Amino acid sequence: MIKDISNLPAKLEALLTAQKNKNSEGKVADYIPALAKVDPNHMGISVATINGNVIGAGDSQVPFSIQSISKVFGLVMAMNRIGDDLWQRVNMEPSGQPFNSIIQLEWEKGIPRNPVINAGALLVADVLTSNYSASKLAFLSFMRTLASDDNIFIDKKVYQSELTHGSRNAALAYLMKSFDNIQSDIPEVLSHYFTQCSIAMSCQQLAKSLLFLANKGLDPISQKSICSARDAHRVNAILSTSGMYDQSGEFAFSVGLPAKSGVGGGVVAIVPGYGVICTWSPPLNTFGNSVIGTNLVSGLAEELGLSIYH
C-alpha cells in the first residue's frame, strides 16, 4: 500500500533541501568532455503518476543528456521489432563487470551479458539500424511521442564529443562483429548509439515517457499500447538486476525498484501500478550513478513505501 501522497510537492522540496551541498561527494563524468562542462549544482526531481499527474521540484524542467537511460527505449523498440529473436543475440544476466568491459565480451564469444551494458546497447543499436531505414529519426520520434513533446532534441555538441571519444565503444562493436553478432556497418551502429545517448530531456519529460512501464506496457495518457505486458515485465526485470551498473544489487536490496541511470546524472525508477520517478544531479559515484539522484529516489521510495518487494 502506497502511503499518503497528498503533500507530494512539499515532500519533493524537502528531499531536495536535505541533499543540498552533497554534490561534492561525486564527480561529474569527464571522459565525455561535453558532459564535464555541466554545472554540478543542478538538482531536480519529477514524479509522473499513471493517473496523469506530473509533479516536480528543483531543476525538473531543465534538459540534460540522458545517456544510458536511452538504452531502455532502444530495448523496447528492438523487442517490438524482432521479438524473441533478440534474446538469441543478447543475454539477460547481470554482468558483474564494468558497463564497458571488453574482457567479458571476449570470454562470452561476442554475446553481451545484458542489453543495458554498453555492448548490449550497441547490439540493440545494430538491431535498430538493421530494421529501420532511418533508425535515428525513428528513435527521436519514439521519444517525442512518449513524452508528448516535439521539442525534445539531440545535443549536437554531446554527440560530437561522444563520436570523438568513442574508441572503447567502437572496440566493443568490432569485437561483436568478429563473432558475427553485428550485422550493420560499425560506423552506422556507433552513430545511432551516440545519437540516442545525446538526446536531451528533462526529468519531467523522462518520467512521462516511461509511464508505460509502470502500466503493463500501456501508455496511461494516450491509452496506446507501447509494448506487451510481458515485455514490460521483462524490461522491468532487467532494470532491477542490471540497470544501475555494478550497484544494481545494492539498489535492489535497499530501494527495491527497477531503475536505470545515465552518466549525464539522470536516474529513472519505475513503480509498477503507480508511476515513474526521475531525478537529475550530475556528480557521479564510483559506479557511474548520480550520488544525489540515487539518494532522492531512495528517500522518496522509503517515504512513500514504494518498493516492489513489499
C-alpha atoms as a PDB file:
ATOM      1  CA  MET A   1       0.000   0.000   0.000  1.00  0.00           C
ATOM      2  CA  ILE A   2       1.450   3.359  -1.090  1.00  0.00           C
ATOM      3  CA  LYS A   3       1.387   5.913   1.693  1.00  0.00           C
ATOM      4  CA  ASP A   4      -0.370   9.288   1.519  1.00  0.00           C
ATOM      5  CA  ILE A   5       0.887  11.421  -1.394  1.00  0.00           C
ATOM      6  CA  SER A   6      -1.412  14.423  -0.964  1.00  0.00           C
ATOM      7  CA  ASN A   7       1.522  16.631   0.014  1.00  0.00           C
ATOM      8  CA  LEU A   8       3.946  15.229  -2.573  1.00  0.00           C
ATOM      9  CA  PRO A   9       5.213  18.666  -3.763  1.00  0.00           C
ATOM     10  CA  ALA A  10       6.294  19.507  -0.209  1.00  0.00           C
ATOM     11  CA  LYS A  11       7.941  16.086   0.148  1.00  0.00           C
ATOM     12  CA  LEU A  12       9.949  16.623  -3.040  1.00  0.00           C
ATOM     13  CA  GLU A  13      11.108  20.065  -1.917  1.00  0.00           C
ATOM     14  CA  ALA A  14      12.139  18.655   1.462  1.00  0.00           C
ATOM     15  CA  LEU A  15      14.108  15.849  -0.206  1.00  0.00           C
ATOM     16  CA  LEU A  16      15.993  18.364  -2.368  1.00  0.00           C
ATOM     17  CA  THR A  17      16.743  20.573   0.609  1.00  0.00           C
ATOM     18  CA  ALA A  18      18.186  17.603   2.511  1.00  0.00           C
ATOM     19  CA  GLN A  19      20.580  16.877  -0.380  1.00  0.00           C
ATOM     20  CA  LYS A  20      21.964  20.407  -0.728  1.00  0.00           C
ATOM     21  CA  ASN A  21      25.786  20.572  -0.589  1.00  0.00           C
ATOM     22  CA  LYS A  22      26.124  16.818  -1.138  1.00  0.00           C
ATOM     23  CA  ASN A  23      27.217  17.167  -4.769  1.00  0.00           C
ATOM     24  CA  SER A  24      30.839  17.320  -3.611  1.00  0.00           C
ATOM     25  CA  GLU A  25      30.526  13.596  -2.780  1.00  0.00           C
ATOM     26  CA  GLY A  26      30.579  12.752  -6.506  1.00  0.00           C
ATOM     27  CA  LYS A  27      32.379  13.707  -9.685  1.00  0.00           C
ATOM     28  CA  VAL A  28      30.885  14.868 -12.986  1.00  0.00           C
ATOM     29  CA  ALA A  29      31.614  12.483 -15.882  1.00  0.00           C
ATOM     30  CA  ASP A  30      34.706  13.790 -17.684  1.00  0.00           C
ATOM     31  CA  TYR A  31      35.521  11.048 -20.202  1.00  0.00           C
ATOM     32  CA  ILE A  32      32.956  12.713 -22.470  1.00  0.00           C
ATOM     33  CA  PRO A  33      34.275  16.323 -22.465  1.00  0.00           C
ATOM     34  CA  ALA A  34      30.887  17.887 -23.210  1.00  0.00           C
ATOM     35  CA  LEU A  35      29.494  16.348 -20.010  1.00  0.00           C
ATOM     36  CA  ALA A  36      32.408  17.651 -17.949  1.00  0.00           C
ATOM     37  CA  LYS A  37      31.197  21.213 -18.617  1.00  0.00           C
ATOM     38  CA  VAL A  38      27.775  20.692 -16.999  1.00  0.00           C
ATOM     39  CA  ASP A  39      27.119  22.680 -13.806  1.00  0.00           C
ATOM     40  CA  PRO A  40      27.398  20.157 -10.927  1.00  0.00           C
ATOM     41  CA  ASN A  41      24.932  22.139  -8.808  1.00  0.00           C
ATOM     42  CA  HIS A  42      21.895  21.206 -10.910  1.00  0.00           C
ATOM     43  CA  MET A  43      19.403  19.110  -8.982  1.00  0.00           C
ATOM     44  CA  GLY A  44      15.874  18.096  -9.928  1.00  0.00           C
ATOM     45  CA  ILE A  45      13.189  15.506  -9.304  1.00  0.00           C
ATOM     46  CA  SER A  46       9.909  14.711 -11.025  1.00  0.00           C
ATOM     47  CA  VAL A  47       7.175  12.165 -10.355  1.00  0.00           C
ATOM     48  CA  ALA A  48       4.681  11.163 -13.042  1.00  0.00           C
ATOM     49  CA  THR A  49       1.744   9.009 -11.971  1.00  0.00           C
ATOM     50  CA  ILE A  50      -0.388   6.753 -14.152  1.00  0.00           C
ATOM     51  CA  ASN A  51      -3.456   8.865 -13.346  1.00  0.00           C
ATOM     52  CA  GLY A  52      -1.885  11.765 -15.262  1.00  0.00           C
ATOM     53  CA  ASN A  53      -0.274  13.901 -12.562  1.00  0.00           C
ATOM     54  CA  VAL A  54       3.263  15.219 -13.071  1.00  0.00           C
ATOM     55  CA  ILE A  55       4.882  16.908 -10.096  1.00  0.00           C
ATOM     56  CA  GLY A  56       8.397  18.310  -9.982  1.00  0.00           C
ATOM     57  CA  ALA A  57      10.839  20.260  -7.859  1.00  0.00           C
ATOM     58  CA  GLY A  58      14.190  21.944  -8.422  1.00  0.00           C
ATOM     59  CA  ASP A  59      15.589  21.714 -11.956  1.00  0.00           C
ATOM     60  CA  SER A  60      12.946  19.208 -13.048  1.00  0.00           C
ATOM     61  CA  GLN A  61      12.297  21.022 -16.338  1.00  0.00           C
ATOM     62  CA  VAL A  62      15.926  21.583 -17.374  1.00  0.00           C
ATOM     63  CA  PRO A  63      17.030  19.272 -20.235  1.00  0.00           C
ATOM     64  CA  PHE A  64      20.122  17.109 -19.711  1.00  0.00           C
ATOM     65  CA  SER A  65      21.921  14.383 -21.631  1.00  0.00           C
ATOM     66  CA  ILE A  66      20.005  11.142 -20.992  1.00  0.00           C
ATOM     67  CA  GLN A  67      22.968   8.911 -21.960  1.00  0.00           C
ATOM     68  CA  SER A  68      22.383   5.280 -20.866  1.00  0.00           C
ATOM     69  CA  ILE A  69      18.751   5.904 -19.936  1.00  0.00           C
ATOM     70  CA  SER A  70      18.240   5.812 -23.708  1.00  0.00           C
ATOM     71  CA  LYS A  71      19.054   2.080 -23.576  1.00  0.00           C
ATOM     72  CA  VAL A  72      15.604   1.423 -22.086  1.00  0.00           C
ATOM     73  CA  PHE A  73      13.831   2.936 -25.091  1.00  0.00           C
ATOM     74  CA  GLY A  74      16.141   1.229 -27.586  1.00  0.00           C
ATOM     75  CA  LEU A  75      15.455  -2.115 -25.920  1.00  0.00           C
ATOM     76  CA  VAL A  76      11.682  -1.630 -26.178  1.00  0.00           C
ATOM     77  CA  MET A  77      11.973  -0.675 -29.859  1.00  0.00           C
ATOM     78  CA  ALA A  78      14.115  -3.750 -30.599  1.00  0.00           C
ATOM     79  CA  MET A  79      11.757  -6.086 -28.727  1.00  0.00           C
ATOM     80  CA  ASN A  80       8.818  -4.663 -30.655  1.00  0.00           C
ATOM     81  CA  ARG A  81      10.664  -5.036 -33.946  1.00  0.00           C
ATOM     82  CA  ILE A  82      12.176  -8.535 -33.797  1.00  0.00           C
ATOM     83  CA  GLY A  83      10.522 -10.167 -30.778  1.00  0.00           C
ATOM     84  CA  ASP A  84      12.181 -13.098 -29.044  1.00  0.00           C
ATOM     85  CA  ASP A  85      14.872 -13.339 -31.734  1.00  0.00           C
ATOM     86  CA  LEU A  86      16.624 -10.580 -29.799  1.00  0.00           C
ATOM     87  CA  TRP A  87      17.424 -12.990 -26.962  1.00  0.00           C
ATOM     88  CA  GLN A  88      19.427 -15.211 -29.293  1.00  0.00           C
ATOM     89  CA  ARG A  89      21.960 -12.380 -29.584  1.00  0.00           C
ATOM     90  CA  VAL A  90      21.998 -10.843 -26.099  1.00  0.00           C
ATOM     91  CA  ASN A  91      21.535 -12.379 -22.651  1.00  0.00           C
ATOM     92  CA  MET A  92      19.600 -11.072 -19.658  1.00  0.00           C
ATOM     93  CA  GLU A  93      22.048 -11.700 -16.814  1.00  0.00           C
ATOM     94  CA  PRO A  94      23.792  -9.201 -14.504  1.00  0.00           C
ATOM     95  CA  SER A  95      27.340  -8.613 -15.707  1.00  0.00           C
ATOM     96  CA  GLY A  96      29.377  -8.276 -12.512  1.00  0.00           C
ATOM     97  CA  GLN A  97      31.839  -6.302 -14.639  1.00  0.00           C
ATOM     98  CA  PRO A  98      32.164  -2.614 -15.583  1.00  0.00           C
ATOM     99  CA  PHE A  99      29.489  -1.495 -18.057  1.00  0.00           C
ATOM    100  CA  ASN A 100      32.068  -1.154 -20.845  1.00  0.00           C
ATOM    101  CA  SER A 101      34.010  -4.376 -20.179  1.00  0.00           C
ATOM    102  CA  ILE A 102      35.770  -5.854 -23.212  1.00  0.00           C
ATOM    103  CA  ILE A 103      37.132  -8.893 -21.347  1.00  0.00           C
ATOM    104  CA  GLN A 104      33.692 -10.330 -20.562  1.00  0.00           C
ATOM    105  CA  LEU A 105      32.564  -9.920 -24.154  1.00  0.00           C
ATOM    106  CA  GLU A 106      35.616 -11.846 -25.368  1.00  0.00           C
ATOM    107  CA  TRP A 107      35.030 -14.659 -22.861  1.00  0.00           C
ATOM    108  CA  GLU A 108      31.414 -14.991 -23.903  1.00  0.00           C
ATOM    109  CA  LYS A 109      32.089 -15.051 -27.657  1.00  0.00           C
ATOM    110  CA  GLY A 110      30.505 -11.735 -28.563  1.00  0.00           C
ATOM    111  CA  ILE A 111      27.184 -12.269 -26.757  1.00  0.00           C
ATOM    112  CA  PRO A 112      26.599  -9.304 -24.409  1.00  0.00           C
ATOM    113  CA  ARG A 113      25.590 -10.218 -20.869  1.00  0.00           C
ATOM    114  CA  ASN A 114      22.506  -7.948 -20.959  1.00  0.00           C
ATOM    115  CA  PRO A 115      21.046  -5.130 -23.107  1.00  0.00           C
ATOM    116  CA  VAL A 116      21.795  -2.269 -20.700  1.00  0.00           C
ATOM    117  CA  ILE A 117      25.569  -2.565 -20.561  1.00  0.00           C
ATOM    118  CA  ASN A 118      27.344  -0.839 -23.443  1.00  0.00           C
ATOM    119  CA  ALA A 119      27.949  -3.970 -25.517  1.00  0.00           C
ATOM    120  CA  GLY A 120      24.294  -4.965 -25.192  1.00  0.00           C
ATOM    121  CA  ALA A 121      23.095  -1.482 -26.104  1.00  0.00           C
ATOM    122  CA  LEU A 122      25.375  -1.483 -29.154  1.00  0.00           C
ATOM    123  CA  LEU A 123      23.844  -4.825 -30.175  1.00  0.00           C
ATOM    124  CA  VAL A 124      20.393  -3.250 -29.784  1.00  0.00           C
ATOM    125  CA  ALA A 125      21.572  -0.266 -31.859  1.00  0.00           C
ATOM    126  CA  ASP A 126      22.585  -2.754 -34.565  1.00  0.00           C
ATOM    127  CA  VAL A 127      19.091  -4.301 -34.473  1.00  0.00           C
ATOM    128  CA  LEU A 128      17.572  -0.837 -34.938  1.00  0.00           C
ATOM    129  CA  THR A 129      19.907   0.269 -37.735  1.00  0.00           C
ATOM    130  CA  SER A 130      19.288  -3.072 -39.486  1.00  0.00           C
ATOM    131  CA  ASN A 131      15.500  -2.886 -39.187  1.00  0.00           C
ATOM    132  CA  TYR A 132      14.712   0.805 -39.699  1.00  0.00           C
ATOM    133  CA  SER A 133      15.505   2.773 -42.847  1.00  0.00           C
ATOM    134  CA  ALA A 134      16.177   5.840 -40.662  1.00  0.00           C
ATOM    135  CA  SER A 135      16.797   4.491 -37.161  1.00  0.00           C
ATOM    136  CA  LYS A 136      17.949   7.752 -35.586  1.00  0.00           C
ATOM    137  CA  LEU A 137      14.849   9.579 -36.765  1.00  0.00           C
ATOM    138  CA  ALA A 138      12.660   6.676 -35.638  1.00  0.00           C
ATOM    139  CA  PHE A 139      14.263   6.768 -32.185  1.00  0.00           C
ATOM    140  CA  LEU A 140      13.818  10.524 -31.749  1.00  0.00           C
ATOM    141  CA  SER A 141      10.221  10.273 -32.978  1.00  0.00           C
ATOM    142  CA  PHE A 142       9.565   7.497 -30.441  1.00  0.00           C
ATOM    143  CA  MET A 143      10.894   9.677 -27.613  1.00  0.00           C
ATOM    144  CA  ARG A 144       8.821  12.677 -28.688  1.00  0.00           C
ATOM    145  CA  THR A 145       5.678  10.571 -28.923  1.00  0.00           C
ATOM    146  CA  LEU A 146       6.147   9.024 -25.485  1.00  0.00           C
ATOM    147  CA  ALA A 147       6.801  12.380 -23.828  1.00  0.00           C
ATOM    148  CA  SER A 148       4.087  14.139 -25.892  1.00  0.00           C
ATOM    149  CA  ASP A 149       6.667  16.807 -26.692  1.00  0.00           C
ATOM    150  CA  ASP A 150       8.085  17.628 -30.125  1.00  0.00           C
ATOM    151  CA  ASN A 151      10.721  19.922 -28.585  1.00  0.00           C
ATOM    152  CA  ILE A 152      12.956  17.032 -27.494  1.00  0.00           C
ATOM    153  CA  PHE A 153      16.264  17.350 -29.346  1.00  0.00           C
ATOM    154  CA  ILE A 154      19.670  15.807 -29.956  1.00  0.00           C
ATOM    155  CA  ASP A 155      22.523  17.763 -28.342  1.00  0.00           C
ATOM    156  CA  LYS A 156      24.982  18.010 -31.228  1.00  0.00           C
ATOM    157  CA  LYS A 157      27.900  19.042 -29.008  1.00  0.00           C
ATOM    158  CA  VAL A 158      27.447  15.934 -26.860  1.00  0.00           C
ATOM    159  CA  TYR A 159      27.101  13.778 -29.974  1.00  0.00           C
ATOM    160  CA  GLN A 160      30.346  15.126 -31.454  1.00  0.00           C
ATOM    161  CA  SER A 161      32.090  14.652 -28.121  1.00  0.00           C
ATOM    162  CA  GLU A 162      30.892  11.029 -27.930  1.00  0.00           C
ATOM    163  CA  LEU A 163      31.967  10.371 -31.509  1.00  0.00           C
ATOM    164  CA  THR A 164      35.447  11.806 -30.923  1.00  0.00           C
ATOM    165  CA  HIS A 165      35.969   9.849 -27.696  1.00  0.00           C
ATOM    166  CA  GLY A 166      34.120   6.639 -28.587  1.00  0.00           C
ATOM    167  CA  SER A 167      37.051   4.305 -29.188  1.00  0.00           C
ATOM    168  CA  ARG A 168      36.099   1.828 -26.473  1.00  0.00           C
ATOM    169  CA  ASN A 169      32.547   1.501 -27.768  1.00  0.00           C
ATOM    170  CA  ALA A 170      33.976   1.006 -31.254  1.00  0.00           C
ATOM    171  CA  ALA A 171      36.193  -1.769 -29.865  1.00  0.00           C
ATOM    172  CA  LEU A 172      33.158  -3.499 -28.334  1.00  0.00           C
ATOM    173  CA  ALA A 173      31.248  -3.259 -31.611  1.00  0.00           C
ATOM    174  CA  TYR A 174      34.130  -4.570 -33.747  1.00  0.00           C
ATOM    175  CA  LEU A 175      34.664  -7.450 -31.300  1.00  0.00           C
ATOM    176  CA  MET A 176      30.993  -8.455 -31.642  1.00  0.00           C
ATOM    177  CA  LYS A 177      31.314  -8.091 -35.418  1.00  0.00           C
ATOM    178  CA  SER A 178      34.223 -10.568 -35.337  1.00  0.00           C
ATOM    179  CA  PHE A 179      31.830 -13.079 -33.728  1.00  0.00           C
ATOM    180  CA  ASP A 180      29.172 -12.331 -36.407  1.00  0.00           C
ATOM    181  CA  ASN A 181      26.857 -10.746 -33.852  1.00  0.00           C
ATOM    182  CA  ILE A 182      26.701  -7.318 -35.547  1.00  0.00           C
ATOM    183  CA  GLN A 183      25.031  -7.034 -38.947  1.00  0.00           C
ATOM    184  CA  SER A 184      25.269  -3.352 -39.896  1.00  0.00           C
ATOM    185  CA  ASP A 185      28.417  -1.365 -40.644  1.00  0.00           C
ATOM    186  CA  ILE A 186      30.110  -0.353 -37.386  1.00  0.00           C
ATOM    187  CA  PRO A 187      30.178   3.424 -38.091  1.00  0.00           C
ATOM    188  CA  GLU A 188      26.411   3.304 -38.644  1.00  0.00           C
ATOM    189  CA  VAL A 189      25.846   1.422 -35.376  1.00  0.00           C
ATOM    190  CA  LEU A 190      28.063   3.833 -33.432  1.00  0.00           C
ATOM    191  CA  SER A 191      26.384   6.872 -34.955  1.00  0.00           C
ATOM    192  CA  HIS A 192      22.969   5.576 -33.907  1.00  0.00           C
ATOM    193  CA  TYR A 193      24.158   4.725 -30.395  1.00  0.00           C
ATOM    194  CA  PHE A 194      25.846   8.092 -29.828  1.00  0.00           C
ATOM    195  CA  THR A 195      22.782   9.868 -31.213  1.00  0.00           C
ATOM    196  CA  GLN A 196      20.379   8.226 -28.771  1.00  0.00           C
ATOM    197  CA  CYS A 197      22.745   8.874 -25.841  1.00  0.00           C
ATOM    198  CA  SER A 198      22.954  12.552 -26.861  1.00  0.00           C
ATOM    199  CA  ILE A 199      19.230  13.195 -26.626  1.00  0.00           C
ATOM    200  CA  ALA A 200      18.465  15.915 -24.070  1.00  0.00           C
ATOM    201  CA  MET A 201      15.385  15.609 -21.879  1.00  0.00           C
ATOM    202  CA  SER A 202      14.169  16.936 -18.545  1.00  0.00           C
ATOM    203  CA  CYS A 203      13.142  14.906 -15.512  1.00  0.00           C
ATOM    204  CA  GLN A 204       9.540  15.771 -16.288  1.00  0.00           C
ATOM    205  CA  GLN A 205       9.775  14.558 -19.902  1.00  0.00           C
ATOM    206  CA  LEU A 206      11.574  11.345 -18.954  1.00  0.00           C
ATOM    207  CA  ALA A 207       9.143  10.493 -16.163  1.00  0.00           C
ATOM    208  CA  LYS A 208       6.158  10.913 -18.531  1.00  0.00           C
ATOM    209  CA  SER A 209       7.826   8.955 -21.323  1.00  0.00           C
ATOM    210  CA  LEU A 210       8.327   5.832 -19.188  1.00  0.00           C
ATOM    211  CA  LEU A 211       4.846   5.603 -17.686  1.00  0.00           C
ATOM    212  CA  PHE A 212       4.012   2.653 -19.946  1.00  0.00           C
ATOM    213  CA  LEU A 213       6.490   0.506 -17.974  1.00  0.00           C
ATOM    214  CA  ALA A 214       4.525   1.263 -14.803  1.00  0.00           C
ATOM    215  CA  ASN A 215       1.270   0.335 -16.533  1.00  0.00           C
ATOM    216  CA  LYS A 216       1.917  -3.090 -18.129  1.00  0.00           C
ATOM    217  CA  GLY A 217       3.033  -1.625 -21.449  1.00  0.00           C
ATOM    218  CA  LEU A 218       0.068   0.726 -21.915  1.00  0.00           C
ATOM    219  CA  ASP A 219       0.641   4.489 -22.045  1.00  0.00           C
ATOM    220  CA  PRO A 220      -1.929   5.699 -19.488  1.00  0.00           C
ATOM    221  CA  ILE A 221      -2.150   9.146 -21.076  1.00  0.00           C
ATOM    222  CA  SER A 222      -2.689   8.239 -24.749  1.00  0.00           C
ATOM    223  CA  GLN A 223      -4.131   4.778 -23.943  1.00  0.00           C
ATOM    224  CA  LYS A 224      -1.871   3.351 -26.674  1.00  0.00           C
ATOM    225  CA  SER A 225      -0.056   0.050 -26.249  1.00  0.00           C
ATOM    226  CA  ILE A 226       3.709   0.748 -26.351  1.00  0.00           C
ATOM    227  CA  CYS A 227       4.732  -2.855 -25.708  1.00  0.00           C
ATOM    228  CA  SER A 228       3.131  -6.046 -24.446  1.00  0.00           C
ATOM    229  CA  ALA A 229       2.599  -6.616 -20.721  1.00  0.00           C
ATOM    230  CA  ARG A 230       5.093  -9.488 -20.970  1.00  0.00           C
ATOM    231  CA  ASP A 231       7.760  -7.231 -22.470  1.00  0.00           C
ATOM    232  CA  ALA A 232       7.114  -4.515 -19.871  1.00  0.00           C
ATOM    233  CA  HIS A 233       7.672  -7.186 -17.213  1.00  0.00           C
ATOM    234  CA  ARG A 234      10.910  -8.262 -18.910  1.00  0.00           C
ATOM    235  CA  VAL A 235      12.275  -4.734 -19.187  1.00  0.00           C
ATOM    236  CA  ASN A 236      11.499  -4.036 -15.530  1.00  0.00           C
ATOM    237  CA  ALA A 237      13.182  -7.300 -14.550  1.00  0.00           C
ATOM    238  CA  ILE A 238      16.356  -6.383 -16.447  1.00  0.00           C
ATOM    239  CA  LEU A 239      16.352  -2.915 -14.868  1.00  0.00           C
ATOM    240  CA  SER A 240      16.003  -4.497 -11.422  1.00  0.00           C
ATOM    241  CA  THR A 241      19.063  -6.708 -11.900  1.00  0.00           C
ATOM    242  CA  SER A 242      21.270  -4.592 -14.165  1.00  0.00           C
ATOM    243  CA  GLY A 243      20.009  -1.022 -14.605  1.00  0.00           C
ATOM    244  CA  MET A 244      22.268   0.616 -12.017  1.00  0.00           C
ATOM    245  CA  TYR A 245      25.535  -0.878 -13.283  1.00  0.00           C
ATOM    246  CA  ASP A 246      27.532  -2.679 -10.584  1.00  0.00           C
ATOM    247  CA  GLN A 247      25.393  -1.042  -7.888  1.00  0.00           C
ATOM    248  CA  SER A 248      22.244  -2.818  -9.112  1.00  0.00           C
ATOM    249  CA  GLY A 249      22.210  -5.454  -6.371  1.00  0.00           C
ATOM    250  CA  GLU A 250      22.695  -2.891  -3.632  1.00  0.00           C
ATOM    251  CA  PHE A 251      19.984  -0.674  -5.152  1.00  0.00           C
ATOM    252  CA  ALA A 252      17.513  -3.568  -5.346  1.00  0.00           C
ATOM    253  CA  PHE A 253      18.394  -4.519  -1.769  1.00  0.00           C
ATOM    254  CA  SER A 254      17.985  -1.025  -0.311  1.00  0.00           C
ATOM    255  CA  VAL A 255      15.397   0.612  -2.609  1.00  0.00           C
ATOM    256  CA  GLY A 256      13.600  -2.204  -4.426  1.00  0.00           C
ATOM    257  CA  LEU A 257      12.592  -0.512  -7.700  1.00  0.00           C
ATOM    258  CA  PRO A 258      13.517  -1.213 -11.342  1.00  0.00           C
ATOM    259  CA  ALA A 259      15.803   1.678 -12.278  1.00  0.00           C
ATOM    260  CA  LYS A 260      18.196   2.977 -14.908  1.00  0.00           C
ATOM    261  CA  SER A 261      20.927   5.557 -14.562  1.00  0.00           C
ATOM    262  CA  GLY A 262      22.961   7.530 -17.070  1.00  0.00           C
ATOM    263  CA  VAL A 263      26.345   9.218 -16.741  1.00  0.00           C
ATOM    264  CA  GLY A 264      24.640  12.539 -17.516  1.00  0.00           C
ATOM    265  CA  GLY A 265      23.400  12.331 -13.916  1.00  0.00           C
ATOM    266  CA  GLY A 266      19.876  11.097 -14.539  1.00  0.00           C
ATOM    267  CA  VAL A 267      18.154   8.243 -12.705  1.00  0.00           C
ATOM    268  CA  VAL A 268      14.720   6.849 -13.570  1.00  0.00           C
ATOM    269  CA  ALA A 269      12.847   4.422 -11.321  1.00  0.00           C
ATOM    270  CA  ILE A 270       9.696   2.538 -12.291  1.00  0.00           C
ATOM    271  CA  VAL A 271       6.968   1.969  -9.692  1.00  0.00           C
ATOM    272  CA  PRO A 272       4.595  -0.593 -11.277  1.00  0.00           C
ATOM    273  CA  GLY A 273       0.956   0.388 -10.793  1.00  0.00           C
ATOM    274  CA  TYR A 274       1.890   3.864  -9.575  1.00  0.00           C
ATOM    275  CA  GLY A 275       4.219   5.832 -11.836  1.00  0.00           C
ATOM    276  CA  VAL A 276       7.788   6.903 -12.516  1.00  0.00           C
ATOM    277  CA  ILE A 277      10.380   8.855 -10.535  1.00  0.00           C
ATOM    278  CA  CYS A 278      13.101  10.730 -12.405  1.00  0.00           C
ATOM    279  CA  THR A 279      15.969  12.587 -10.758  1.00  0.00           C
ATOM    280  CA  TRP A 280      18.943  14.556 -12.065  1.00  0.00           C
ATOM    281  CA  SER A 281      22.191  15.646 -10.460  1.00  0.00           C
ATOM    282  CA  PRO A 282      25.441  15.433 -12.498  1.00  0.00           C
ATOM    283  CA  PRO A 283      28.075  14.322  -9.914  1.00  0.00           C
ATOM    284  CA  LEU A 284      28.502  10.532 -10.044  1.00  0.00           C
ATOM    285  CA  ASN A 285      29.732   7.918  -7.580  1.00  0.00           C
ATOM    286  CA  THR A 286      32.385   5.322  -8.436  1.00  0.00           C
ATOM    287  CA  PHE A 287      29.727   3.092 -10.055  1.00  0.00           C
ATOM    288  CA  GLY A 288      28.715   5.830 -12.519  1.00  0.00           C
ATOM    289  CA  ASN A 289      25.414   6.595 -10.752  1.00  0.00           C
ATOM    290  CA  SER A 290      24.297  10.044  -9.613  1.00  0.00           C
ATOM    291  CA  VAL A 291      25.063  10.452  -5.897  1.00  0.00           C
ATOM    292  CA  ILE A 292      22.219  12.842  -5.134  1.00  0.00           C
ATOM    293  CA  GLY A 293      19.870  11.316  -7.707  1.00  0.00           C
ATOM    294  CA  THR A 294      20.186   7.896  -6.110  1.00  0.00           C
ATOM    295  CA  ASN A 295      19.635   9.435  -2.672  1.00  0.00           C
ATOM    296  CA  LEU A 296      16.499  11.220  -3.892  1.00  0.00           C
ATOM    297  CA  VAL A 297      14.957   8.056  -5.356  1.00  0.00           C
ATOM    298  CA  SER A 298      15.839   6.123  -2.221  1.00  0.00           C
ATOM    299  CA  GLY A 299      14.407   8.823   0.057  1.00  0.00           C
ATOM    300  CA  LEU A 300      11.119   9.077  -1.836  1.00  0.00           C
ATOM    301  CA  ALA A 301      10.724   5.311  -2.096  1.00  0.00           C
ATOM    302  CA  GLU A 302      11.205   4.998   1.652  1.00  0.00           C
ATOM    303  CA  GLU A 303       8.894   7.928   2.397  1.00  0.00           C
ATOM    304  CA  LEU A 304       6.041   6.515   0.288  1.00  0.00           C
ATOM    305  CA  GLY A 305       6.693   2.792   0.746  1.00  0.00           C
ATOM    306  CA  LEU A 306       7.253   2.175  -2.971  1.00  0.00           C
ATOM    307  CA  SER A 307       9.381  -0.998  -3.078  1.00  0.00           C
ATOM    308  CA  ILE A 308       8.108  -3.720  -5.432  1.00  0.00           C
ATOM    309  CA  TYR A 309       9.194  -6.328  -2.889  1.00  0.00           C
ATOM    310  CA  HIS A 310       6.645  -5.398  -0.222  1.00  0.00           C
END
